[in-house]
Amino acid sequence: MKRLVLILVLLLLVVTPAEAQCAMCRAVLESEDGGGTAKGINNGIVYLMLFPYLLIGGVGYAIYRMRKNARAEQS
């Protein structure tokens, strides 16, 4: 068990940088002065990442409420 925890902690601490942009996006972002497009793309990525977290949070909250109501009915 200690070995598994150690492996998990090491995997979380070791970060490998990734450059995962398509060739066209990279060319546009590198050639532009001012960084307006890069800021827009970064904001879009954050916006798109928000919805999966909201969905997971909503499902988790619904499960929490169902379990809480089930416990109240058993008492």
N, C-alpha and C. Protein backbone atom coordinates (compact mmCIF):
# COMPACT_ATOMS: atom_id res chain seq x y z
N MET A 1 0.82 -1.19 0.00
CA MET A 1 0.00 0.00 0.00
C MET A 1 0.87 1.26 0.00
N LYS A 2 1.93 1.26 0.79
CA LYS A 2 2.83 2.41 0.82
C LYS A 2 3.47 2.63 -0.54
N ARG A 3 3.76 1.54 -1.21
CA ARG A 3 4.40 1.64 -2.51
C ARG A 3 3.46 2.30 -3.53
N LEU A 4 2.18 1.92 -3.49
CA LEU A 4 1.19 2.50 -4.39
C LEU A 4 1.03 4.00 -4.13
N VAL A 5 0.96 4.38 -2.87
CA VAL A 5 0.84 5.80 -2.52
C VAL A 5 2.07 6.56 -2.99
N LEU A 6 3.24 6.01 -2.81
CA LEU A 6 4.47 6.66 -3.25
C LEU A 6 4.47 6.85 -4.76
N ILE A 7 4.05 5.83 -5.49
CA ILE A 7 4.00 5.94 -6.95
C ILE A 7 3.01 7.02 -7.38
N LEU A 8 1.85 7.07 -6.74
CA LEU A 8 0.86 8.09 -7.08
C LEU A 8 1.37 9.49 -6.79
N VAL A 9 2.04 9.66 -5.65
CA VAL A 9 2.59 10.98 -5.31
C VAL A 9 3.67 11.38 -6.31
N LEU A 10 4.51 10.46 -6.69
CA LEU A 10 5.56 10.77 -7.67
C LEU A 10 4.96 11.13 -9.03
N LEU A 11 3.91 10.44 -9.44
CA LEU A 11 3.27 10.75 -10.70
C LEU A 11 2.63 12.14 -10.69
N LEU A 12 2.10 12.53 -9.55
CA LEU A 12 1.50 13.86 -9.44
C LEU A 12 2.55 14.97 -9.40
N LEU A 13 3.72 14.68 -8.88
CA LEU A 13 4.76 15.69 -8.76
C LEU A 13 5.59 15.87 -10.03
N VAL A 14 5.70 14.82 -10.83
CA VAL A 14 6.50 14.89 -12.04
C VAL A 14 5.63 15.45 -13.17
N VAL A 15 6.03 16.58 -13.70
CA VAL A 15 5.27 17.24 -14.75
C VAL A 15 6.14 17.32 -16.00
N THR A 16 5.57 16.90 -17.11
CA THR A 16 6.28 16.96 -18.38
C THR A 16 5.65 18.04 -19.24
N PRO A 17 6.42 19.02 -19.65
CA PRO A 17 5.83 20.06 -20.50
C PRO A 17 5.42 19.49 -21.86
N ALA A 18 4.30 19.96 -22.36
CA ALA A 18 3.81 19.49 -23.65
C ALA A 18 3.53 20.68 -24.54
N GLU A 19 3.84 20.54 -25.79
CA GLU A 19 3.52 21.56 -26.77
C GLU A 19 2.53 20.93 -27.74
N ALA A 20 1.26 21.13 -27.45
CA ALA A 20 0.22 20.45 -28.21
C ALA A 20 -0.63 21.46 -28.97
N GLN A 21 -0.03 22.18 -29.85
CA GLN A 21 -0.77 23.11 -30.69
C GLN A 21 -0.69 22.62 -32.12
N CYS A 22 -1.77 22.84 -32.84
CA CYS A 22 -1.71 22.50 -34.26
C CYS A 22 -0.77 23.49 -34.96
N ALA A 23 -0.31 23.13 -36.11
CA ALA A 23 0.68 23.95 -36.81
C ALA A 23 0.13 25.33 -37.16
N MET A 24 -1.14 25.40 -37.55
CA MET A 24 -1.72 26.68 -37.93
C MET A 24 -1.88 27.61 -36.72
N CYS A 25 -2.36 27.07 -35.61
CA CYS A 25 -2.52 27.90 -34.41
C CYS A 25 -1.17 28.43 -33.95
N ARG A 26 -0.20 27.58 -33.97
CA ARG A 26 1.12 27.99 -33.53
C ARG A 26 1.70 29.08 -34.43
N ALA A 27 1.52 28.93 -35.72
CA ALA A 27 2.04 29.93 -36.66
C ALA A 27 1.36 31.28 -36.46
N VAL A 28 0.06 31.28 -36.25
CA VAL A 28 -0.66 32.54 -36.05
C VAL A 28 -0.23 33.20 -34.75
N LEU A 29 -0.11 32.42 -33.69
CA LEU A 29 0.23 32.98 -32.39
C LEU A 29 1.65 33.50 -32.34
N GLU A 30 2.57 32.85 -33.04
CA GLU A 30 3.96 33.29 -33.02
C GLU A 30 4.19 34.51 -33.91
N SER A 31 3.38 34.67 -34.94
CA SER A 31 3.63 35.76 -35.89
C SER A 31 2.94 37.06 -35.47
N GLU A 32 2.03 37.01 -34.52
CA GLU A 32 1.28 38.21 -34.14
C GLU A 32 2.02 39.03 -33.09
N ASP A 33 1.93 40.34 -33.23
CA ASP A 33 2.48 41.25 -32.22
C ASP A 33 1.37 41.65 -31.26
N GLY A 34 1.68 41.81 -30.01
CA GLY A 34 0.70 42.26 -29.02
C GLY A 34 0.06 41.14 -28.24
N GLY A 35 -0.12 39.99 -28.81
CA GLY A 35 -0.65 38.84 -28.09
C GLY A 35 -2.16 38.83 -27.89
N GLY A 36 -2.91 39.61 -28.69
CA GLY A 36 -4.36 39.63 -28.54
C GLY A 36 -5.01 38.29 -28.89
N THR A 37 -4.54 37.68 -29.96
CA THR A 37 -5.09 36.39 -30.37
C THR A 37 -4.73 35.31 -29.36
N ALA A 38 -3.51 35.34 -28.85
CA ALA A 38 -3.11 34.35 -27.86
C ALA A 38 -3.96 34.46 -26.60
N LYS A 39 -4.25 35.68 -26.18
CA LYS A 39 -5.10 35.88 -25.01
C LYS A 39 -6.51 35.35 -25.27
N GLY A 40 -7.02 35.59 -26.47
CA GLY A 40 -8.35 35.10 -26.83
C GLY A 40 -8.42 33.59 -26.85
N ILE A 41 -7.39 32.95 -27.37
CA ILE A 41 -7.36 31.49 -27.40
C ILE A 41 -7.26 30.93 -25.98
N ASN A 42 -6.45 31.53 -25.15
CA ASN A 42 -6.35 31.07 -23.76
C ASN A 42 -7.67 31.23 -23.03
N ASN A 43 -8.36 32.35 -23.23
CA ASN A 43 -9.67 32.54 -22.60
C ASN A 43 -10.68 31.51 -23.10
N GLY A 44 -10.62 31.19 -24.38
CA GLY A 44 -11.52 30.18 -24.94
C GLY A 44 -11.27 28.81 -24.33
N ILE A 45 -10.02 28.48 -24.10
CA ILE A 45 -9.68 27.19 -23.49
C ILE A 45 -10.23 27.12 -22.08
N VAL A 46 -10.06 28.19 -21.32
CA VAL A 46 -10.59 28.22 -19.95
C VAL A 46 -12.11 28.10 -19.97
N TYR A 47 -12.76 28.79 -20.89
CA TYR A 47 -14.21 28.74 -21.03
C TYR A 47 -14.68 27.32 -21.33
N LEU A 48 -14.00 26.64 -22.23
CA LEU A 48 -14.38 25.27 -22.58
C LEU A 48 -14.11 24.29 -21.44
N MET A 49 -13.11 24.57 -20.62
CA MET A 49 -12.80 23.68 -19.49
C MET A 49 -13.81 23.83 -18.36
N LEU A 50 -14.52 24.93 -18.30
CA LEU A 50 -15.45 25.19 -17.22
C LEU A 50 -16.64 24.24 -17.22
N PHE A 51 -17.18 23.91 -18.37
CA PHE A 51 -18.40 23.13 -18.44
C PHE A 51 -18.28 21.69 -17.94
N PRO A 52 -17.21 20.96 -18.23
CA PRO A 52 -17.11 19.62 -17.63
C PRO A 52 -17.08 19.67 -16.10
N TYR A 53 -16.41 20.65 -15.53
CA TYR A 53 -16.37 20.77 -14.08
C TYR A 53 -17.74 21.10 -13.51
N LEU A 54 -18.49 21.97 -14.19
CA LEU A 54 -19.84 22.28 -13.75
C LEU A 54 -20.75 21.05 -13.81
N LEU A 55 -20.62 20.27 -14.88
CA LEU A 55 -21.44 19.06 -15.01
C LEU A 55 -21.11 18.05 -13.93
N ILE A 56 -19.84 17.82 -13.69
CA ILE A 56 -19.43 16.87 -12.66
C ILE A 56 -19.87 17.35 -11.29
N GLY A 57 -19.73 18.64 -11.03
CA GLY A 57 -20.18 19.20 -9.76
C GLY A 57 -21.68 19.06 -9.58
N GLY A 58 -22.45 19.29 -10.64
CA GLY A 58 -23.90 19.15 -10.58
C GLY A 58 -24.32 17.72 -10.31
N VAL A 59 -23.69 16.78 -10.97
CA VAL A 59 -24.00 15.36 -10.74
C VAL A 59 -23.61 14.97 -9.32
N GLY A 60 -22.46 15.42 -8.86
CA GLY A 60 -22.04 15.11 -7.49
C GLY A 60 -23.00 15.68 -6.46
N TYR A 61 -23.48 16.90 -6.69
CA TYR A 61 -24.43 17.52 -5.77
C TYR A 61 -25.76 16.76 -5.78
N ALA A 62 -26.20 16.33 -6.95
CA ALA A 62 -27.46 15.57 -7.04
C ALA A 62 -27.33 14.24 -6.29
N ILE A 63 -26.21 13.58 -6.43
CA ILE A 63 -25.99 12.32 -5.72
C ILE A 63 -25.95 12.56 -4.22
N TYR A 64 -25.30 13.63 -3.81
CA TYR A 64 -25.24 13.99 -2.39
C TYR A 64 -26.64 14.20 -1.83
N ARG A 65 -27.47 14.95 -2.55
CA ARG A 65 -28.84 15.22 -2.07
C ARG A 65 -29.67 13.95 -2.02
N MET A 66 -29.51 13.07 -3.01
CA MET A 66 -30.28 11.81 -3.01
C MET A 66 -29.88 10.95 -1.81
N ARG A 67 -28.60 10.87 -1.55
CA ARG A 67 -28.14 10.06 -0.41
C ARG A 67 -28.55 10.68 0.91
N LYS A 68 -28.53 12.00 0.99
CA LYS A 68 -28.94 12.69 2.22
C LYS A 68 -30.44 12.45 2.48
N ASN A 69 -31.26 12.52 1.44
CA ASN A 69 -32.69 12.27 1.58
C ASN A 69 -32.97 10.81 1.93
N ALA A 70 -32.19 9.89 1.38
CA ALA A 70 -32.37 8.48 1.68
C ALA A 70 -32.05 8.20 3.14
N ARG A 71 -31.03 8.83 3.67
CA ARG A 71 -30.67 8.65 5.08
C ARG A 71 -31.75 9.24 6.00
N ALA A 72 -32.31 10.39 5.60
CA ALA A 72 -33.35 11.02 6.41
C ALA A 72 -34.60 10.15 6.47
N GLU A 73 -34.92 9.46 5.36
CA GLU A 73 -36.11 8.59 5.34
C GLU A 73 -35.89 7.34 6.15
N GLN A 74 -34.64 6.87 6.25
CA GLN A 74 -34.34 5.66 7.05
C GLN A 74 -34.43 5.94 8.54
N SER A 75 -34.18 7.15 8.95
CA SER A 75 -34.17 7.48 10.39
C SER A 75 -35.54 7.57 10.97
